[in-house]
Amino acid sequence: MASINVKELIDLTPVLVNIPYNHLWSSYDEEADVLYLNFKKPCNADDSELTDDDVIIRYEQGEVVGITILHASKREGKINPINMGRSNS
């Protein structure tokens, strides 16, 4: 099993508890270097916008239901998502 830097995850706590959603699902595509964050399941976005900093904000009926972060590993203050419970399937 891969090791996880627990301190880095704990340091995220203030940010995560202040997200205005009760649930958060995430997945990271290492090959594409894209981080997907979903605030609703199922997430059926009917609109989206690409910001100037390469973030796609996804909407369903005007409500934000997720964000897609392009070039995720290149972001300042990055946390290395490698092997954080990801399966190789």
PDB file of N, CA and C in Angstrom:
ATOM      1  N   MET A   1       0.842  -1.176   0.000  1.00  0.00           N
ATOM      2  CA  MET A   1       0.000   0.000   0.000  1.00  0.00           C
ATOM      3  C   MET A   1       0.885   1.236   0.000  1.00  0.00           C
ATOM      4  N   ALA A   2       0.492   2.255  -0.759  1.00  0.00           N
ATOM      5  CA  ALA A   2       1.250   3.505  -0.851  1.00  0.00           C
ATOM      6  C   ALA A   2       1.085   4.320   0.418  1.00  0.00           C
ATOM      7  N   SER A   3       2.102   5.107   0.700  1.00  0.00           N
ATOM      8  CA  SER A   3       2.009   5.960   1.883  1.00  0.00           C
ATOM      9  C   SER A   3       1.247   7.243   1.553  1.00  0.00           C
ATOM     10  N   ILE A   4       0.631   7.802   2.556  1.00  0.00           N
ATOM     11  CA  ILE A   4      -0.142   9.038   2.425  1.00  0.00           C
ATOM     12  C   ILE A   4       0.417  10.035   3.423  1.00  0.00           C
ATOM     13  N   ASN A   5       0.603  11.258   2.973  1.00  0.00           N
ATOM     14  CA  ASN A   5       1.070  12.300   3.869  1.00  0.00           C
ATOM     15  C   ASN A   5      -0.150  12.837   4.632  1.00  0.00           C
ATOM     16  N   VAL A   6      -0.375  12.309   5.804  1.00  0.00           N
ATOM     17  CA  VAL A   6      -1.551  12.662   6.601  1.00  0.00           C
ATOM     18  C   VAL A   6      -1.538  14.141   6.963  1.00  0.00           C
ATOM     19  N   LYS A   7      -0.376  14.697   7.253  1.00  0.00           N
ATOM     20  CA  LYS A   7      -0.293  16.122   7.614  1.00  0.00           C
ATOM     21  C   LYS A   7      -0.833  16.995   6.486  1.00  0.00           C
ATOM     22  N   GLU A   8      -0.483  16.686   5.233  1.00  0.00           N
ATOM     23  CA  GLU A   8      -0.999  17.465   4.103  1.00  0.00           C
ATOM     24  C   GLU A   8      -2.517  17.391   4.044  1.00  0.00           C
ATOM     25  N   LEU A   9      -3.064  16.200   4.300  1.00  0.00           N
ATOM     26  CA  LEU A   9      -4.521  16.050   4.277  1.00  0.00           C
ATOM     27  C   LEU A   9      -5.162  16.807   5.428  1.00  0.00           C
ATOM     28  N   ILE A  10      -4.558  16.753   6.590  1.00  0.00           N
ATOM     29  CA  ILE A  10      -5.087  17.501   7.737  1.00  0.00           C
ATOM     30  C   ILE A  10      -5.045  19.001   7.460  1.00  0.00           C
ATOM     31  N   ASP A  11      -3.976  19.452   6.803  1.00  0.00           N
ATOM     32  CA  ASP A  11      -3.862  20.875   6.471  1.00  0.00           C
ATOM     33  C   ASP A  11      -4.975  21.343   5.533  1.00  0.00           C
ATOM     34  N   LEU A  12      -5.580  20.427   4.799  1.00  0.00           N
ATOM     35  CA  LEU A  12      -6.701  20.759   3.914  1.00  0.00           C
ATOM     36  C   LEU A  12      -8.013  20.952   4.670  1.00  0.00           C
ATOM     37  N   THR A  13      -8.081  20.491   5.889  1.00  0.00           N
ATOM     38  CA  THR A  13      -9.333  20.489   6.646  1.00  0.00           C
ATOM     39  C   THR A  13     -10.032  21.845   6.678  1.00  0.00           C
ATOM     40  N   PRO A  14      -9.356  22.954   6.995  1.00  0.00           N
ATOM     41  CA  PRO A  14     -10.063  24.234   7.025  1.00  0.00           C
ATOM     42  C   PRO A  14     -10.712  24.595   5.689  1.00  0.00           C
ATOM     43  N   VAL A  15     -10.066  24.244   4.603  1.00  0.00           N
ATOM     44  CA  VAL A  15     -10.633  24.520   3.284  1.00  0.00           C
ATOM     45  C   VAL A  15     -11.844  23.629   3.035  1.00  0.00           C
ATOM     46  N   LEU A  16     -11.709  22.345   3.328  1.00  0.00           N
ATOM     47  CA  LEU A  16     -12.782  21.396   3.039  1.00  0.00           C
ATOM     48  C   LEU A  16     -14.040  21.644   3.861  1.00  0.00           C
ATOM     49  N   VAL A  17     -13.889  21.990   5.136  1.00  0.00           N
ATOM     50  CA  VAL A  17     -15.087  22.201   5.952  1.00  0.00           C
ATOM     51  C   VAL A  17     -15.804  23.497   5.595  1.00  0.00           C
ATOM     52  N   ASN A  18     -15.145  24.378   4.858  1.00  0.00           N
ATOM     53  CA  ASN A  18     -15.781  25.630   4.448  1.00  0.00           C
ATOM     54  C   ASN A  18     -16.373  25.582   3.051  1.00  0.00           C
ATOM     55  N   ILE A  19     -16.270  24.432   2.391  1.00  0.00           N
ATOM     56  CA  ILE A  19     -16.951  24.279   1.105  1.00  0.00           C
ATOM     57  C   ILE A  19     -18.447  24.215   1.398  1.00  0.00           C
ATOM     58  N   PRO A  20     -19.258  24.969   0.667  1.00  0.00           N
ATOM     59  CA  PRO A  20     -20.692  25.023   0.996  1.00  0.00           C
ATOM     60  C   PRO A  20     -21.490  23.817   0.506  1.00  0.00           C
ATOM     61  N   TYR A  21     -20.908  22.640   0.591  1.00  0.00           N
ATOM     62  CA  TYR A  21     -21.570  21.411   0.171  1.00  0.00           C
ATOM     63  C   TYR A  21     -21.356  20.361   1.249  1.00  0.00           C
ATOM     64  N   ASN A  22     -22.306  19.468   1.409  1.00  0.00           N
ATOM     65  CA  ASN A  22     -22.190  18.406   2.408  1.00  0.00           C
ATOM     66  C   ASN A  22     -21.369  17.222   1.928  1.00  0.00           C
ATOM     67  N   HIS A  23     -21.241  17.075   0.623  1.00  0.00           N
ATOM     68  CA  HIS A  23     -20.520  15.934   0.063  1.00  0.00           C
ATOM     69  C   HIS A  23     -19.507  16.421  -0.962  1.00  0.00           C
ATOM     70  N   LEU A  24     -18.438  15.666  -1.090  1.00  0.00           N
ATOM     71  CA  LEU A  24     -17.400  15.976  -2.068  1.00  0.00           C
ATOM     72  C   LEU A  24     -16.822  14.662  -2.583  1.00  0.00           C
ATOM     73  N   TRP A  25     -16.846  14.482  -3.899  1.00  0.00           N
ATOM     74  CA  TRP A  25     -16.238  13.328  -4.535  1.00  0.00           C
ATOM     75  C   TRP A  25     -15.118  13.855  -5.405  1.00  0.00           C
ATOM     76  N   SER A  26     -14.014  13.157  -5.426  1.00  0.00           N
ATOM     77  CA  SER A  26     -12.898  13.599  -6.254  1.00  0.00           C
ATOM     78  C   SER A  26     -12.288  12.419  -6.990  1.00  0.00           C
ATOM     79  N   SER A  27     -11.699  12.728  -8.131  1.00  0.00           N
ATOM     80  CA  SER A  27     -10.897  11.746  -8.853  1.00  0.00           C
ATOM     81  C   SER A  27      -9.827  12.501  -9.622  1.00  0.00           C
ATOM     82  N   TYR A  28      -8.690  11.848  -9.791  1.00  0.00           N
ATOM     83  CA  TYR A  28      -7.557  12.459 -10.466  1.00  0.00           C
ATOM     84  C   TYR A  28      -7.143  11.579 -11.629  1.00  0.00           C
ATOM     85  N   ASP A  29      -7.050  12.170 -12.810  1.00  0.00           N
ATOM     86  CA  ASP A  29      -6.583  11.483 -14.006  1.00  0.00           C
ATOM     87  C   ASP A  29      -5.121  11.880 -14.191  1.00  0.00           C
ATOM     88  N   GLU A  30      -4.224  10.982 -13.779  1.00  0.00           N
ATOM     89  CA  GLU A  30      -2.789  11.285 -13.798  1.00  0.00           C
ATOM     90  C   GLU A  30      -2.281  11.529 -15.219  1.00  0.00           C
ATOM     91  N   GLU A  31      -2.746  10.734 -16.163  1.00  0.00           N
ATOM     92  CA  GLU A  31      -2.280  10.879 -17.543  1.00  0.00           C
ATOM     93  C   GLU A  31      -2.654  12.244 -18.116  1.00  0.00           C
ATOM     94  N   ALA A  32      -3.872  12.699 -17.867  1.00  0.00           N
ATOM     95  CA  ALA A  32      -4.338  13.996 -18.362  1.00  0.00           C
ATOM     96  C   ALA A  32      -3.994  15.140 -17.408  1.00  0.00           C
ATOM     97  N   ASP A  33      -3.574  14.812 -16.188  1.00  0.00           N
ATOM     98  CA  ASP A  33      -3.276  15.780 -15.130  1.00  0.00           C
ATOM     99  C   ASP A  33      -4.491  16.673 -14.855  1.00  0.00           C
ATOM    100  N   VAL A  34      -5.622  16.005 -14.635  1.00  0.00           N
ATOM    101  CA  VAL A  34      -6.884  16.701 -14.393  1.00  0.00           C
ATOM    102  C   VAL A  34      -7.486  16.186 -13.087  1.00  0.00           C
ATOM    103  N   LEU A  35      -7.898  17.125 -12.229  1.00  0.00           N
ATOM    104  CA  LEU A  35      -8.570  16.799 -10.971  1.00  0.00           C
ATOM    105  C   LEU A  35     -10.035  17.155 -11.114  1.00  0.00           C
ATOM    106  N   TYR A  36     -10.898  16.185 -10.830  1.00  0.00           N
ATOM    107  CA  TYR A  36     -12.343  16.385 -10.901  1.00  0.00           C
ATOM    108  C   TYR A  36     -12.899  16.438  -9.486  1.00  0.00           C
ATOM    109  N   LEU A  37     -13.650  17.474  -9.170  1.00  0.00           N
ATOM    110  CA  LEU A  37     -14.338  17.591  -7.890  1.00  0.00           C
ATOM    111  C   LEU A  37     -15.827  17.700  -8.173  1.00  0.00           C
ATOM    112  N   ASN A  38     -16.605  16.811  -7.571  1.00  0.00           N
ATOM    113  CA  ASN A  38     -18.056  16.817  -7.751  1.00  0.00           C
ATOM    114  C   ASN A  38     -18.716  17.036  -6.404  1.00  0.00           C
ATOM    115  N   PHE A  39     -19.725  17.882  -6.393  1.00  0.00           N
ATOM    116  CA  PHE A  39     -20.445  18.211  -5.169  1.00  0.00           C
ATOM    117  C   PHE A  39     -21.814  17.564  -5.125  1.00  0.00           C
ATOM    118  N   LYS A  40     -22.158  16.831  -6.182  1.00  0.00           N
ATOM    119  CA  LYS A  40     -23.467  16.189  -6.277  1.00  0.00           C
ATOM    120  C   LYS A  40     -23.314  14.909  -7.081  1.00  0.00           C
ATOM    121  N   LYS A  41     -23.978  13.861  -6.664  1.00  0.00           N
ATOM    122  CA  LYS A  41     -23.996  12.599  -7.397  1.00  0.00           C
ATOM    123  C   LYS A  41     -25.447  12.187  -7.586  1.00  0.00           C
ATOM    124  N   PRO A  42     -25.893  11.862  -8.784  1.00  0.00           N
ATOM    125  CA  PRO A  42     -25.121  12.017 -10.004  1.00  0.00           C
ATOM    126  C   PRO A  42     -24.975  13.489 -10.364  1.00  0.00           C
ATOM    127  N   CYS A  43     -23.920  13.771 -11.058  1.00  0.00           N
ATOM    128  CA  CYS A  43     -23.621  15.139 -11.492  1.00  0.00           C
ATOM    129  C   CYS A  43     -23.975  15.233 -12.971  1.00  0.00           C
ATOM    130  N   ASN A  44     -25.061  15.903 -13.274  1.00  0.00           N
ATOM    131  CA  ASN A  44     -25.522  16.034 -14.653  1.00  0.00           C
ATOM    132  C   ASN A  44     -25.466  17.496 -15.072  1.00  0.00           C
ATOM    133  N   ALA A  45     -24.259  17.980 -15.297  1.00  0.00           N
ATOM    134  CA  ALA A  45     -24.077  19.389 -15.662  1.00  0.00           C
ATOM    135  C   ALA A  45     -24.769  19.690 -16.979  1.00  0.00           C
ATOM    136  N   ASP A  46     -25.440  20.850 -17.013  1.00  0.00           N
ATOM    137  CA  ASP A  46     -26.080  21.294 -18.248  1.00  0.00           C
ATOM    138  C   ASP A  46     -25.425  22.563 -18.787  1.00  0.00           C
ATOM    139  N   ASP A  47     -24.394  23.057 -18.086  1.00  0.00           N
ATOM    140  CA  ASP A  47     -23.671  24.247 -18.521  1.00  0.00           C
ATOM    141  C   ASP A  47     -22.308  24.239 -17.845  1.00  0.00           C
ATOM    142  N   SER A  48     -21.371  24.947 -18.430  1.00  0.00           N
ATOM    143  CA  SER A  48     -20.051  25.054 -17.829  1.00  0.00           C
ATOM    144  C   SER A  48     -19.368  26.309 -18.335  1.00  0.00           C
ATOM    145  N   GLU A  49     -18.322  26.713 -17.599  1.00  0.00           N
ATOM    146  CA  GLU A  49     -17.516  27.840 -18.051  1.00  0.00           C
ATOM    147  C   GLU A  49     -16.055  27.539 -17.750  1.00  0.00           C
ATOM    148  N   LEU A  50     -15.194  27.977 -18.661  1.00  0.00           N
ATOM    149  CA  LEU A  50     -13.758  27.825 -18.493  1.00  0.00           C
ATOM    150  C   LEU A  50     -13.213  29.156 -18.002  1.00  0.00           C
ATOM    151  N   THR A  51     -12.554  29.139 -16.835  1.00  0.00           N
ATOM    152  CA  THR A  51     -11.991  30.367 -16.280  1.00  0.00           C
ATOM    153  C   THR A  51     -10.626  30.650 -16.909  1.00  0.00           C
ATOM    154  N   ASP A  52     -10.109  31.836 -16.644  1.00  0.00           N
ATOM    155  CA  ASP A  52      -8.804  32.229 -17.173  1.00  0.00           C
ATOM    156  C   ASP A  52      -7.669  31.382 -16.619  1.00  0.00           C
ATOM    157  N   ASP A  53      -7.876  30.740 -15.468  1.00  0.00           N
ATOM    158  CA  ASP A  53      -6.815  29.923 -14.875  1.00  0.00           C
ATOM    159  C   ASP A  53      -7.052  28.423 -15.093  1.00  0.00           C
ATOM    160  N   ASP A  54      -7.708  28.076 -16.202  1.00  0.00           N
ATOM    161  CA  ASP A  54      -7.903  26.679 -16.618  1.00  0.00           C
ATOM    162  C   ASP A  54      -8.657  25.835 -15.604  1.00  0.00           C
ATOM    163  N   VAL A  55      -9.721  26.383 -15.099  1.00  0.00           N
ATOM    164  CA  VAL A  55     -10.650  25.649 -14.241  1.00  0.00           C
ATOM    165  C   VAL A  55     -12.006  25.667 -14.938  1.00  0.00           C
ATOM    166  N   ILE A  56     -12.618  24.507 -15.032  1.00  0.00           N
ATOM    167  CA  ILE A  56     -13.951  24.419 -15.624  1.00  0.00           C
ATOM    168  C   ILE A  56     -14.949  24.318 -14.473  1.00  0.00           C
ATOM    169  N   ILE A  57     -15.864  25.251 -14.408  1.00  0.00           N
ATOM    170  CA  ILE A  57     -16.920  25.243 -13.397  1.00  0.00           C
ATOM    171  C   ILE A  57     -18.158  24.658 -14.063  1.00  0.00           C
ATOM    172  N   ARG A  58     -18.701  23.597 -13.457  1.00  0.00           N
ATOM    173  CA  ARG A  58     -19.843  22.900 -14.037  1.00  0.00           C
ATOM    174  C   ARG A  58     -21.115  23.225 -13.258  1.00  0.00           C
ATOM    175  N   TYR A  59     -22.192  23.491 -14.005  1.00  0.00           N
ATOM    176  CA  TYR A  59     -23.463  23.904 -13.420  1.00  0.00           C
ATOM    177  C   TYR A  59     -24.576  22.941 -13.803  1.00  0.00           C
ATOM    178  N   GLU A  60     -25.537  22.811 -12.908  1.00  0.00           N
ATOM    179  CA  GLU A  60     -26.785  22.113 -13.195  1.00  0.00           C
ATOM    180  C   GLU A  60     -27.907  23.021 -12.735  1.00  0.00           C
ATOM    181  N   GLN A  61     -28.693  23.483 -13.679  1.00  0.00           N
ATOM    182  CA  GLN A  61     -29.795  24.414 -13.402  1.00  0.00           C
ATOM    183  C   GLN A  61     -29.303  25.624 -12.603  1.00  0.00           C
ATOM    184  N   GLY A  62     -28.135  26.160 -12.984  1.00  0.00           N
ATOM    185  CA  GLY A  62     -27.595  27.362 -12.368  1.00  0.00           C
ATOM    186  C   GLY A  62     -26.798  27.138 -11.092  1.00  0.00           C
ATOM    187  N   GLU A  63     -26.819  25.923 -10.542  1.00  0.00           N
ATOM    188  CA  GLU A  63     -26.095  25.609  -9.309  1.00  0.00           C
ATOM    189  C   GLU A  63     -24.768  24.941  -9.655  1.00  0.00           C
ATOM    190  N   VAL A  64     -23.689  25.346  -8.984  1.00  0.00           N
ATOM    191  CA  VAL A  64     -22.399  24.702  -9.191  1.00  0.00           C
ATOM    192  C   VAL A  64     -22.476  23.270  -8.663  1.00  0.00           C
ATOM    193  N   VAL A  65     -22.167  22.309  -9.532  1.00  0.00           N
ATOM    194  CA  VAL A  65     -22.200  20.906  -9.131  1.00  0.00           C
ATOM    195  C   VAL A  65     -20.821  20.263  -9.197  1.00  0.00           C
ATOM    196  N   GLY A  66     -19.839  20.996  -9.716  1.00  0.00           N
ATOM    197  CA  GLY A  66     -18.495  20.451  -9.764  1.00  0.00           C
ATOM    198  C   GLY A  66     -17.524  21.396 -10.428  1.00  0.00           C
ATOM    199  N   ILE A  67     -16.251  21.093 -10.224  1.00  0.00           N
ATOM    200  CA  ILE A  67     -15.199  21.826 -10.918  1.00  0.00           C
ATOM    201  C   ILE A  67     -14.180  20.831 -11.446  1.00  0.00           C
ATOM    202  N   THR A  68     -13.568  21.198 -12.542  1.00  0.00           N
ATOM    203  CA  THR A  68     -12.518  20.406 -13.167  1.00  0.00           C
ATOM    204  C   THR A  68     -11.276  21.277 -13.216  1.00  0.00           C
ATOM    205  N   ILE A  69     -10.188  20.808 -12.612  1.00  0.00           N
ATOM    206  CA  ILE A  69      -8.967  21.592 -12.531  1.00  0.00           C
ATOM    207  C   ILE A  69      -7.947  20.997 -13.493  1.00  0.00           C
ATOM    208  N   LEU A  70      -7.670  21.739 -14.560  1.00  0.00           N
ATOM    209  CA  LEU A  70      -6.697  21.307 -15.551  1.00  0.00           C
ATOM    210  C   LEU A  70      -5.289  21.595 -15.040  1.00  0.00           C
ATOM    211  N   HIS A  71      -4.306  20.818 -15.485  1.00  0.00           N
ATOM    212  CA  HIS A  71      -2.900  20.988 -15.073  1.00  0.00           C
ATOM    213  C   HIS A  71      -2.782  20.937 -13.545  1.00  0.00           C
ATOM    214  N   ALA A  72      -3.482  20.017 -12.934  1.00  0.00           N
ATOM    215  CA  ALA A  72      -3.615  19.965 -11.476  1.00  0.00           C
ATOM    216  C   ALA A  72      -2.284  19.852 -10.749  1.00  0.00           C
ATOM    217  N   SER A  73      -1.376  19.039 -11.225  1.00  0.00           N
ATOM    218  CA  SER A  73      -0.119  18.840 -10.499  1.00  0.00           C
ATOM    219  C   SER A  73       0.829  20.026 -10.625  1.00  0.00           C
ATOM    220  N   LYS A  74       0.531  20.942 -11.525  1.00  0.00           N
ATOM    221  CA  LYS A  74       1.395  22.102 -11.739  1.00  0.00           C
ATOM    222  C   LYS A  74       0.956  23.306 -10.908  1.00  0.00           C
ATOM    223  N   ARG A  75      -0.103  23.156 -10.140  1.00  0.00           N
ATOM    224  CA  ARG A  75      -0.648  24.264  -9.359  1.00  0.00           C
ATOM    225  C   ARG A  75       0.262  24.613  -8.186  1.00  0.00           C
ATOM    226  N   GLU A  76       0.319  25.902  -7.857  1.00  0.00           N
ATOM    227  CA  GLU A  76       1.094  26.352  -6.703  1.00  0.00           C
ATOM    228  C   GLU A  76       0.504  25.761  -5.432  1.00  0.00           C
ATOM    229  N   GLY A  77       1.359  25.362  -4.494  1.00  0.00           N
ATOM    230  CA  GLY A  77       0.880  24.773  -3.248  1.00  0.00           C
ATOM    231  C   GLY A  77       0.291  23.401  -3.461  1.00  0.00           C
ATOM    232  N   LYS A  78       0.776  22.714  -4.481  1.00  0.00           N
ATOM    233  CA  LYS A  78       0.179  21.428  -4.861  1.00  0.00           C
ATOM    234  C   LYS A  78       0.345  20.374  -3.784  1.00  0.00           C
ATOM    235  N   ILE A  79      -0.586  19.454  -3.787  1.00  0.00           N
ATOM    236  CA  ILE A  79      -0.514  18.251  -2.964  1.00  0.00           C
ATOM    237  C   ILE A  79      -0.419  17.097  -3.933  1.00  0.00           C
ATOM    238  N   ASN A  80       0.518  16.224  -3.732  1.00  0.00           N
ATOM    239  CA  ASN A  80       0.743  15.110  -4.630  1.00  0.00           C
ATOM    240  C   ASN A  80      -0.363  14.065  -4.453  1.00  0.00           C
ATOM    241  N   PRO A  81      -1.252  13.896  -5.462  1.00  0.00           N
ATOM    242  CA  PRO A  81      -2.372  12.962  -5.324  1.00  0.00           C
ATOM    243  C   PRO A  81      -2.012  11.522  -5.676  1.00  0.00           C
ATOM    244  N   ILE A  82      -0.754  11.229  -5.976  1.00  0.00           N
ATOM    245  CA  ILE A  82      -0.368   9.902  -6.441  1.00  0.00           C
ATOM    246  C   ILE A  82      -0.684   8.831  -5.417  1.00  0.00           C
ATOM    247  N   ASN A  83      -1.371   7.800  -5.873  1.00  0.00           N
ATOM    248  CA  ASN A  83      -1.687   6.602  -5.084  1.00  0.00           C
ATOM    249  C   ASN A  83      -2.514   6.872  -3.838  1.00  0.00           C
ATOM    250  N   MET A  84      -3.375   7.823  -3.871  1.00  0.00           N
ATOM    251  CA  MET A  84      -4.242   8.088  -2.709  1.00  0.00           C
ATOM    252  C   MET A  84      -5.519   7.281  -2.856  1.00  0.00           C
ATOM    253  N   GLY A  85      -5.388   5.967  -2.740  1.00  0.00           N
ATOM    254  CA  GLY A  85      -6.550   5.087  -2.795  1.00  0.00           C
ATOM    255  C   GLY A  85      -7.032   4.799  -4.190  1.00  0.00           C
ATOM    256  N   ARG A  86      -6.324   5.223  -5.203  1.00  0.00           N
ATOM    257  CA  ARG A  86      -6.714   4.990  -6.576  1.00  0.00           C
ATOM    258  C   ARG A  86      -6.423   3.557  -6.959  1.00  0.00           C
ATOM    259  N   SER A  87      -7.332   2.935  -7.658  1.00  0.00           N
ATOM    260  CA  SER A  87      -7.091   1.587  -8.162  1.00  0.00           C
ATOM    261  C   SER A  87      -6.466   1.695  -9.534  1.00  0.00           C
ATOM    262  N   ASN A  88      -5.875   0.644 -10.011  1.00  0.00           N
ATOM    263  CA  ASN A  88      -5.247   0.633 -11.327  1.00  0.00           C
ATOM    264  C   ASN A  88      -6.155   0.034 -12.387  1.00  0.00           C
ATOM    265  N   SER A  89      -7.427   0.066 -12.167  1.00  0.00           N
ATOM    266  CA  SER A  89      -8.353  -0.517 -13.142  1.00  0.00           C
ATOM    267  C   SER A  89      -8.701   0.460 -14.222  1.00  0.00           C
TER     268      SER A  89
END
